[in-house]
Amino acid sequence: STIQRAVLLAGGAPIEPAHLAFGTGVPIGTDHVPHAAAGELTERERIEAALRVAAGNQSRAAKALGISRATLVRRLTEFGLARPRK
């Protein structure tokens, strides 16, 4: 949902209008490099949080992150994270 996505993007900071933007994806794997000191989550932390919010459902987690399921699976492999199983 939009709220779940906004919470993930905000990374614990107050939700801003940019976090509620419709039709835009999370800038994972792009020029955007989050800074933990600024209260933003790292890409790995956002993925882990999305999977927690989605109760391990990879399709819902990917949608909340604004990425494809295939991209999520690729990132899980890159970060050495286990893929949730049913």
PDB file of N, CA and C in Angstrom:
ATOM      1  N   SER A   1       0.835  -1.189   0.000  1.00  0.00           N
ATOM      2  CA  SER A   1       0.000   0.000   0.000  1.00  0.00           C
ATOM      3  C   SER A   1       0.878   1.250   0.000  1.00  0.00           C
ATOM      4  N   THR A   2       0.262   2.360  -0.252  1.00  0.00           N
ATOM      5  CA  THR A   2       0.982   3.632  -0.288  1.00  0.00           C
ATOM      6  C   THR A   2       1.583   3.948   1.074  1.00  0.00           C
ATOM      7  N   ILE A   3       0.839   3.666   2.125  1.00  0.00           N
ATOM      8  CA  ILE A   3       1.334   3.961   3.482  1.00  0.00           C
ATOM      9  C   ILE A   3       2.533   3.083   3.816  1.00  0.00           C
ATOM     10  N   GLN A   4       2.461   1.796   3.505  1.00  0.00           N
ATOM     11  CA  GLN A   4       3.596   0.905   3.775  1.00  0.00           C
ATOM     12  C   GLN A   4       4.838   1.376   3.027  1.00  0.00           C
ATOM     13  N   ARG A   5       4.645   1.750   1.776  1.00  0.00           N
ATOM     14  CA  ARG A   5       5.765   2.233   0.963  1.00  0.00           C
ATOM     15  C   ARG A   5       6.350   3.512   1.562  1.00  0.00           C
ATOM     16  N   ALA A   6       5.485   4.421   1.998  1.00  0.00           N
ATOM     17  CA  ALA A   6       5.945   5.676   2.592  1.00  0.00           C
ATOM     18  C   ALA A   6       6.742   5.414   3.863  1.00  0.00           C
ATOM     19  N   VAL A   7       6.276   4.476   4.675  1.00  0.00           N
ATOM     20  CA  VAL A   7       6.992   4.127   5.909  1.00  0.00           C
ATOM     21  C   VAL A   7       8.372   3.575   5.570  1.00  0.00           C
ATOM     22  N   LEU A   8       8.445   2.714   4.560  1.00  0.00           N
ATOM     23  CA  LEU A   8       9.734   2.154   4.150  1.00  0.00           C
ATOM     24  C   LEU A   8      10.673   3.234   3.634  1.00  0.00           C
ATOM     25  N   LEU A   9      10.132   4.119   2.804  1.00  0.00           N
ATOM     26  CA  LEU A   9      10.967   5.175   2.242  1.00  0.00           C
ATOM     27  C   LEU A   9      11.450   6.150   3.307  1.00  0.00           C
ATOM     28  N   ALA A  10      10.592   6.440   4.268  1.00  0.00           N
ATOM     29  CA  ALA A  10      10.948   7.394   5.313  1.00  0.00           C
ATOM     30  C   ALA A  10      12.029   6.830   6.229  1.00  0.00           C
ATOM     31  N   GLY A  11      12.079   5.525   6.361  1.00  0.00           N
ATOM     32  CA  GLY A  11      13.128   4.895   7.163  1.00  0.00           C
ATOM     33  C   GLY A  11      13.172   5.367   8.598  1.00  0.00           C
ATOM     34  N   GLY A  12      12.016   5.583   9.212  1.00  0.00           N
ATOM     35  CA  GLY A  12      11.970   6.002  10.607  1.00  0.00           C
ATOM     36  C   GLY A  12      11.876   7.507  10.777  1.00  0.00           C
ATOM     37  N   ALA A  13      12.142   8.251   9.734  1.00  0.00           N
ATOM     38  CA  ALA A  13      12.015   9.712   9.778  1.00  0.00           C
ATOM     39  C   ALA A  13      10.551  10.068   9.511  1.00  0.00           C
ATOM     40  N   PRO A  14      10.158  11.309   9.768  1.00  0.00           N
ATOM     41  CA  PRO A  14       8.783  11.702   9.450  1.00  0.00           C
ATOM     42  C   PRO A  14       8.488  11.522   7.962  1.00  0.00           C
ATOM     43  N   ILE A  15       7.279  11.094   7.665  1.00  0.00           N
ATOM     44  CA  ILE A  15       6.872  10.901   6.277  1.00  0.00           C
ATOM     45  C   ILE A  15       6.687  12.259   5.622  1.00  0.00           C
ATOM     46  N   GLU A  16       7.310  12.420   4.464  1.00  0.00           N
ATOM     47  CA  GLU A  16       7.261  13.668   3.697  1.00  0.00           C
ATOM     48  C   GLU A  16       6.395  13.459   2.461  1.00  0.00           C
ATOM     49  N   PRO A  17       5.946  14.528   1.815  1.00  0.00           N
ATOM     50  CA  PRO A  17       5.151  14.381   0.592  1.00  0.00           C
ATOM     51  C   PRO A  17       5.836  13.535  -0.482  1.00  0.00           C
ATOM     52  N   ALA A  18       7.146  13.618  -0.595  1.00  0.00           N
ATOM     53  CA  ALA A  18       7.872  12.840  -1.603  1.00  0.00           C
ATOM     54  C   ALA A  18       7.726  11.335  -1.366  1.00  0.00           C
ATOM     55  N   HIS A  19       7.545  10.935  -0.109  1.00  0.00           N
ATOM     56  CA  HIS A  19       7.370   9.519   0.208  1.00  0.00           C
ATOM     57  C   HIS A  19       6.019   9.004  -0.267  1.00  0.00           C
ATOM     58  N   LEU A  20       5.092   9.911  -0.504  1.00  0.00           N
ATOM     59  CA  LEU A  20       3.745   9.532  -0.927  1.00  0.00           C
ATOM     60  C   LEU A  20       3.538   9.671  -2.425  1.00  0.00           C
ATOM     61  N   ALA A  21       4.587   9.940  -3.159  1.00  0.00           N
ATOM     62  CA  ALA A  21       4.475  10.130  -4.610  1.00  0.00           C
ATOM     63  C   ALA A  21       3.888   8.886  -5.253  1.00  0.00           C
ATOM     64  N   PHE A  22       2.918   9.080  -6.104  1.00  0.00           N
ATOM     65  CA  PHE A  22       2.272   7.967  -6.775  1.00  0.00           C
ATOM     66  C   PHE A  22       2.988   7.665  -8.085  1.00  0.00           C
ATOM     67  N   GLY A  23       3.085   6.388  -8.388  1.00  0.00           N
ATOM     68  CA  GLY A  23       3.637   5.970  -9.675  1.00  0.00           C
ATOM     69  C   GLY A  23       5.148   6.086  -9.790  1.00  0.00           C
ATOM     70  N   THR A  24       5.826   6.281  -8.681  1.00  0.00           N
ATOM     71  CA  THR A  24       7.291   6.338  -8.741  1.00  0.00           C
ATOM     72  C   THR A  24       7.855   5.200  -7.927  1.00  0.00           C
ATOM     73  N   GLY A  25       8.978   4.694  -8.364  1.00  0.00           N
ATOM     74  CA  GLY A  25       9.611   3.597  -7.653  1.00  0.00           C
ATOM     75  C   GLY A  25      10.622   4.098  -6.649  1.00  0.00           C
ATOM     76  N   VAL A  26      10.980   3.223  -5.751  1.00  0.00           N
ATOM     77  CA  VAL A  26      12.030   3.519  -4.786  1.00  0.00           C
ATOM     78  C   VAL A  26      13.348   3.544  -5.541  1.00  0.00           C
ATOM     79  N   PRO A  27      14.201   4.511  -5.297  1.00  0.00           N
ATOM     80  CA  PRO A  27      15.443   4.613  -6.051  1.00  0.00           C
ATOM     81  C   PRO A  27      16.494   3.598  -5.629  1.00  0.00           C
ATOM     82  N   ILE A  28      16.110   2.325  -5.591  1.00  0.00           N
ATOM     83  CA  ILE A  28      17.046   1.267  -5.224  1.00  0.00           C
ATOM     84  C   ILE A  28      17.934   0.968  -6.415  1.00  0.00           C
ATOM     85  N   GLY A  29      19.234   0.881  -6.154  1.00  0.00           N
ATOM     86  CA  GLY A  29      20.157   0.515  -7.209  1.00  0.00           C
ATOM     87  C   GLY A  29      20.430   1.629  -8.197  1.00  0.00           C
ATOM     88  N   THR A  30      20.116   2.860  -7.828  1.00  0.00           N
ATOM     89  CA  THR A  30      20.370   3.988  -8.713  1.00  0.00           C
ATOM     90  C   THR A  30      21.401   4.889  -8.068  1.00  0.00           C
ATOM     91  N   ASP A  31      21.415   6.157  -8.474  1.00  0.00           N
ATOM     92  CA  ASP A  31      22.375   7.108  -7.926  1.00  0.00           C
ATOM     93  C   ASP A  31      22.096   7.431  -6.458  1.00  0.00           C
ATOM     94  N   HIS A  32      20.876   7.168  -6.027  1.00  0.00           N
ATOM     95  CA  HIS A  32      20.507   7.511  -4.656  1.00  0.00           C
ATOM     96  C   HIS A  32      21.242   6.592  -3.687  1.00  0.00           C
ATOM     97  N   VAL A  33      22.083   7.158  -2.857  1.00  0.00           N
ATOM     98  CA  VAL A  33      22.786   6.392  -1.839  1.00  0.00           C
ATOM     99  C   VAL A  33      22.302   6.899  -0.485  1.00  0.00           C
ATOM    100  N   PRO A  34      21.521   6.100   0.234  1.00  0.00           N
ATOM    101  CA  PRO A  34      20.998   6.567   1.512  1.00  0.00           C
ATOM    102  C   PRO A  34      22.100   6.738   2.541  1.00  0.00           C
ATOM    103  N   HIS A  35      21.912   7.662   3.418  1.00  0.00           N
ATOM    104  CA  HIS A  35      22.875   7.922   4.482  1.00  0.00           C
ATOM    105  C   HIS A  35      22.231   7.572   5.814  1.00  0.00           C
ATOM    106  N   ALA A  36      22.790   6.581   6.497  1.00  0.00           N
ATOM    107  CA  ALA A  36      22.236   6.141   7.773  1.00  0.00           C
ATOM    108  C   ALA A  36      22.206   7.288   8.775  1.00  0.00           C
ATOM    109  N   ALA A  37      23.201   8.174   8.712  1.00  0.00           N
ATOM    110  CA  ALA A  37      23.246   9.302   9.646  1.00  0.00           C
ATOM    111  C   ALA A  37      22.073  10.253   9.432  1.00  0.00           C
ATOM    112  N   ALA A  38      21.544  10.290   8.242  1.00  0.00           N
ATOM    113  CA  ALA A  38      20.411  11.169   7.939  1.00  0.00           C
ATOM    114  C   ALA A  38      19.086  10.502   8.276  1.00  0.00           C
ATOM    115  N   GLY A  39      19.133   9.316   8.880  1.00  0.00           N
ATOM    116  CA  GLY A  39      17.917   8.624   9.269  1.00  0.00           C
ATOM    117  C   GLY A  39      17.326   7.759   8.173  1.00  0.00           C
ATOM    118  N   GLU A  40      18.047   7.593   7.063  1.00  0.00           N
ATOM    119  CA  GLU A  40      17.550   6.762   5.977  1.00  0.00           C
ATOM    120  C   GLU A  40      18.069   5.346   6.141  1.00  0.00           C
ATOM    121  N   LEU A  41      17.290   4.406   5.671  1.00  0.00           N
ATOM    122  CA  LEU A  41      17.698   3.015   5.712  1.00  0.00           C
ATOM    123  C   LEU A  41      18.575   2.689   4.515  1.00  0.00           C
ATOM    124  N   THR A  42      19.454   1.720   4.692  1.00  0.00           N
ATOM    125  CA  THR A  42      20.239   1.243   3.559  1.00  0.00           C
ATOM    126  C   THR A  42      19.323   0.406   2.667  1.00  0.00           C
ATOM    127  N   GLU A  43      19.767   0.120   1.477  1.00  0.00           N
ATOM    128  CA  GLU A  43      18.981  -0.693   0.553  1.00  0.00           C
ATOM    129  C   GLU A  43      18.650  -2.048   1.184  1.00  0.00           C
ATOM    130  N   ARG A  44      19.632  -2.662   1.799  1.00  0.00           N
ATOM    131  CA  ARG A  44      19.416  -3.963   2.452  1.00  0.00           C
ATOM    132  C   ARG A  44      18.366  -3.841   3.556  1.00  0.00           C
ATOM    133  N   GLU A  45      18.466  -2.799   4.365  1.00  0.00           N
ATOM    134  CA  GLU A  45      17.496  -2.607   5.454  1.00  0.00           C
ATOM    135  C   GLU A  45      16.085  -2.371   4.919  1.00  0.00           C
ATOM    136  N   ARG A  46      15.974  -1.607   3.801  1.00  0.00           N
ATOM    137  CA  ARG A  46      14.654  -1.385   3.197  1.00  0.00           C
ATOM    138  C   ARG A  46      14.061  -2.691   2.698  1.00  0.00           C
ATOM    139  N   ILE A  47      14.902  -3.524   2.100  1.00  0.00           N
ATOM    140  CA  ILE A  47      14.425  -4.816   1.603  1.00  0.00           C
ATOM    141  C   ILE A  47      13.976  -5.688   2.770  1.00  0.00           C
ATOM    142  N   GLU A  48      14.780  -5.750   3.813  1.00  0.00           N
ATOM    143  CA  GLU A  48      14.412  -6.549   4.981  1.00  0.00           C
ATOM    144  C   GLU A  48      13.122  -6.038   5.607  1.00  0.00           C
ATOM    145  N   ALA A  49      12.980  -4.716   5.704  1.00  0.00           N
ATOM    146  CA  ALA A  49      11.757  -4.132   6.270  1.00  0.00           C
ATOM    147  C   ALA A  49      10.551  -4.440   5.395  1.00  0.00           C
ATOM    148  N   ALA A  50      10.718  -4.334   4.086  1.00  0.00           N
ATOM    149  CA  ALA A  50       9.611  -4.615   3.169  1.00  0.00           C
ATOM    150  C   ALA A  50       9.166  -6.066   3.291  1.00  0.00           C
ATOM    151  N   LEU A  51      10.112  -6.970   3.424  1.00  0.00           N
ATOM    152  CA  LEU A  51       9.760  -8.382   3.578  1.00  0.00           C
ATOM    153  C   LEU A  51       9.055  -8.633   4.905  1.00  0.00           C
ATOM    154  N   ARG A  52       9.460  -7.919   5.957  1.00  0.00           N
ATOM    155  CA  ARG A  52       8.769  -8.056   7.251  1.00  0.00           C
ATOM    156  C   ARG A  52       7.337  -7.557   7.142  1.00  0.00           C
ATOM    157  N   VAL A  53       7.163  -6.371   6.555  1.00  0.00           N
ATOM    158  CA  VAL A  53       5.827  -5.787   6.405  1.00  0.00           C
ATOM    159  C   VAL A  53       4.941  -6.688   5.557  1.00  0.00           C
ATOM    160  N   ALA A  54       5.529  -7.313   4.538  1.00  0.00           N
ATOM    161  CA  ALA A  54       4.781  -8.178   3.626  1.00  0.00           C
ATOM    162  C   ALA A  54       4.709  -9.620   4.127  1.00  0.00           C
ATOM    163  N   ALA A  55       5.132  -9.857   5.348  1.00  0.00           N
ATOM    164  CA  ALA A  55       5.113 -11.201   5.947  1.00  0.00           C
ATOM    165  C   ALA A  55       5.808 -12.225   5.050  1.00  0.00           C
ATOM    166  N   GLY A  56       6.918 -11.819   4.437  1.00  0.00           N
ATOM    167  CA  GLY A  56       7.710 -12.713   3.612  1.00  0.00           C
ATOM    168  C   GLY A  56       7.229 -12.848   2.173  1.00  0.00           C
ATOM    169  N   ASN A  57       6.130 -12.195   1.830  1.00  0.00           N
ATOM    170  CA  ASN A  57       5.606 -12.285   0.465  1.00  0.00           C
ATOM    171  C   ASN A  57       6.468 -11.417  -0.447  1.00  0.00           C
ATOM    172  N   GLN A  58       7.234 -12.063  -1.321  1.00  0.00           N
ATOM    173  CA  GLN A  58       8.187 -11.352  -2.166  1.00  0.00           C
ATOM    174  C   GLN A  58       7.503 -10.426  -3.161  1.00  0.00           C
ATOM    175  N   SER A  59       6.378 -10.830  -3.709  1.00  0.00           N
ATOM    176  CA  SER A  59       5.665  -9.992  -4.674  1.00  0.00           C
ATOM    177  C   SER A  59       5.168  -8.707  -4.015  1.00  0.00           C
ATOM    178  N   ARG A  60       4.585  -8.822  -2.822  1.00  0.00           N
ATOM    179  CA  ARG A  60       4.097  -7.634  -2.111  1.00  0.00           C
ATOM    180  C   ARG A  60       5.255  -6.747  -1.668  1.00  0.00           C
ATOM    181  N   ALA A  61       6.354  -7.353  -1.217  1.00  0.00           N
ATOM    182  CA  ALA A  61       7.522  -6.573  -0.803  1.00  0.00           C
ATOM    183  C   ALA A  61       8.090  -5.795  -1.980  1.00  0.00           C
ATOM    184  N   ALA A  62       8.201  -6.460  -3.127  1.00  0.00           N
ATOM    185  CA  ALA A  62       8.726  -5.798  -4.332  1.00  0.00           C
ATOM    186  C   ALA A  62       7.820  -4.636  -4.729  1.00  0.00           C
ATOM    187  N   LYS A  63       6.516  -4.848  -4.683  1.00  0.00           N
ATOM    188  CA  LYS A  63       5.565  -3.795  -5.043  1.00  0.00           C
ATOM    189  C   LYS A  63       5.708  -2.601  -4.100  1.00  0.00           C
ATOM    190  N   ALA A  64       5.855  -2.869  -2.794  1.00  0.00           N
ATOM    191  CA  ALA A  64       6.019  -1.787  -1.813  1.00  0.00           C
ATOM    192  C   ALA A  64       7.308  -1.000  -2.061  1.00  0.00           C
ATOM    193  N   LEU A  65       8.321  -1.683  -2.560  1.00  0.00           N
ATOM    194  CA  LEU A  65       9.603  -1.041  -2.844  1.00  0.00           C
ATOM    195  C   LEU A  65       9.622  -0.354  -4.207  1.00  0.00           C
ATOM    196  N   GLY A  66       8.625  -0.662  -5.029  1.00  0.00           N
ATOM    197  CA  GLY A  66       8.573  -0.057  -6.359  1.00  0.00           C
ATOM    198  C   GLY A  66       9.517  -0.710  -7.345  1.00  0.00           C
ATOM    199  N   ILE A  67       9.834  -1.988  -7.100  1.00  0.00           N
ATOM    200  CA  ILE A  67      10.721  -2.728  -7.988  1.00  0.00           C
ATOM    201  C   ILE A  67      10.022  -4.013  -8.420  1.00  0.00           C
ATOM    202  N   SER A  68      10.554  -4.677  -9.435  1.00  0.00           N
ATOM    203  CA  SER A  68       9.969  -5.944  -9.860  1.00  0.00           C
ATOM    204  C   SER A  68      10.377  -7.045  -8.888  1.00  0.00           C
ATOM    205  N   ARG A  69       9.615  -8.127  -8.920  1.00  0.00           N
ATOM    206  CA  ARG A  69       9.936  -9.270  -8.070  1.00  0.00           C
ATOM    207  C   ARG A  69      11.301  -9.834  -8.463  1.00  0.00           C
ATOM    208  N   ALA A  70      11.591  -9.867  -9.758  1.00  0.00           N
ATOM    209  CA  ALA A  70      12.883 -10.369 -10.233  1.00  0.00           C
ATOM    210  C   ALA A  70      14.035  -9.526  -9.679  1.00  0.00           C
ATOM    211  N   THR A  71      13.844  -8.212  -9.638  1.00  0.00           N
ATOM    212  CA  THR A  71      14.878  -7.336  -9.080  1.00  0.00           C
ATOM    213  C   THR A  71      15.055  -7.609  -7.592  1.00  0.00           C
ATOM    214  N   LEU A  72      13.944  -7.813  -6.889  1.00  0.00           N
ATOM    215  CA  LEU A  72      14.025  -8.127  -5.461  1.00  0.00           C
ATOM    216  C   LEU A  72      14.812  -9.416  -5.250  1.00  0.00           C
ATOM    217  N   VAL A  73      14.511 -10.442  -6.022  1.00  0.00           N
ATOM    218  CA  VAL A  73      15.220 -11.723  -5.897  1.00  0.00           C
ATOM    219  C   VAL A  73      16.703 -11.532  -6.170  1.00  0.00           C
ATOM    220  N   ARG A  74      17.022 -10.734  -7.181  1.00  0.00           N
ATOM    221  CA  ARG A  74      18.435 -10.454  -7.507  1.00  0.00           C
ATOM    222  C   ARG A  74      19.118  -9.740  -6.339  1.00  0.00           C
ATOM    223  N   ARG A  75      18.425  -8.777  -5.730  1.00  0.00           N
ATOM    224  CA  ARG A  75      19.017  -8.056  -4.591  1.00  0.00           C
ATOM    225  C   ARG A  75      19.205  -8.983  -3.383  1.00  0.00           C
ATOM    226  N   LEU A  76      18.257  -9.878  -3.166  1.00  0.00           N
ATOM    227  CA  LEU A  76      18.398 -10.836  -2.064  1.00  0.00           C
ATOM    228  C   LEU A  76      19.661 -11.664  -2.253  1.00  0.00           C
ATOM    229  N   THR A  77      19.898 -12.108  -3.473  1.00  0.00           N
ATOM    230  CA  THR A  77      21.097 -12.886  -3.777  1.00  0.00           C
ATOM    231  C   THR A  77      22.351 -12.046  -3.573  1.00  0.00           C
ATOM    232  N   GLU A  78      22.333 -10.803  -4.077  1.00  0.00           N
ATOM    233  CA  GLU A  78      23.493  -9.914  -3.942  1.00  0.00           C
ATOM    234  C   GLU A  78      23.852  -9.661  -2.487  1.00  0.00           C
ATOM    235  N   PHE A  79      22.830  -9.526  -1.628  1.00  0.00           N
ATOM    236  CA  PHE A  79      23.071  -9.239  -0.216  1.00  0.00           C
ATOM    237  C   PHE A  79      23.232 -10.504   0.621  1.00  0.00           C
ATOM    238  N   GLY A  80      23.129 -11.663  -0.007  1.00  0.00           N
ATOM    239  CA  GLY A  80      23.273 -12.912   0.728  1.00  0.00           C
ATOM    240  C   GLY A  80      22.121 -13.184   1.677  1.00  0.00           C
ATOM    241  N   LEU A  81      20.948 -12.637   1.340  1.00  0.00           N
ATOM    242  CA  LEU A  81      19.768 -12.837   2.180  1.00  0.00           C
ATOM    243  C   LEU A  81      18.990 -14.054   1.680  1.00  0.00           C
ATOM    244  N   ALA A  82      18.484 -14.837   2.619  1.00  0.00           N
ATOM    245  CA  ALA A  82      17.689 -16.007   2.246  1.00  0.00           C
ATOM    246  C   ALA A  82      16.347 -15.562   1.703  1.00  0.00           C
ATOM    247  N   ARG A  83      15.897 -16.227   0.649  1.00  0.00           N
ATOM    248  CA  ARG A  83      14.582 -15.944   0.099  1.00  0.00           C
ATOM    249  C   ARG A  83      13.529 -16.579   0.985  1.00  0.00           C
ATOM    250  N   PRO A  84      12.527 -15.790   1.398  1.00  0.00           N
ATOM    251  CA  PRO A  84      11.459 -16.366   2.222  1.00  0.00           C
ATOM    252  C   PRO A  84      10.734 -17.457   1.444  1.00  0.00           C
ATOM    253  N   ARG A  85      10.376 -18.496   2.111  1.00  0.00           N
ATOM    254  CA  ARG A  85       9.643 -19.624   1.507  1.00  0.00           C
ATOM    255  C   ARG A  85       8.314 -19.787   2.223  1.00  0.00           C
ATOM    256  N   LYS A  86       7.374 -20.346   1.497  1.00  0.00           N
ATOM    257  CA  LYS A  86       6.049 -20.607   2.093  1.00  0.00           C
ATOM    258  C   LYS A  86       6.137 -21.765   3.048  1.00  0.00           C
TER     259      LYS A  86
END
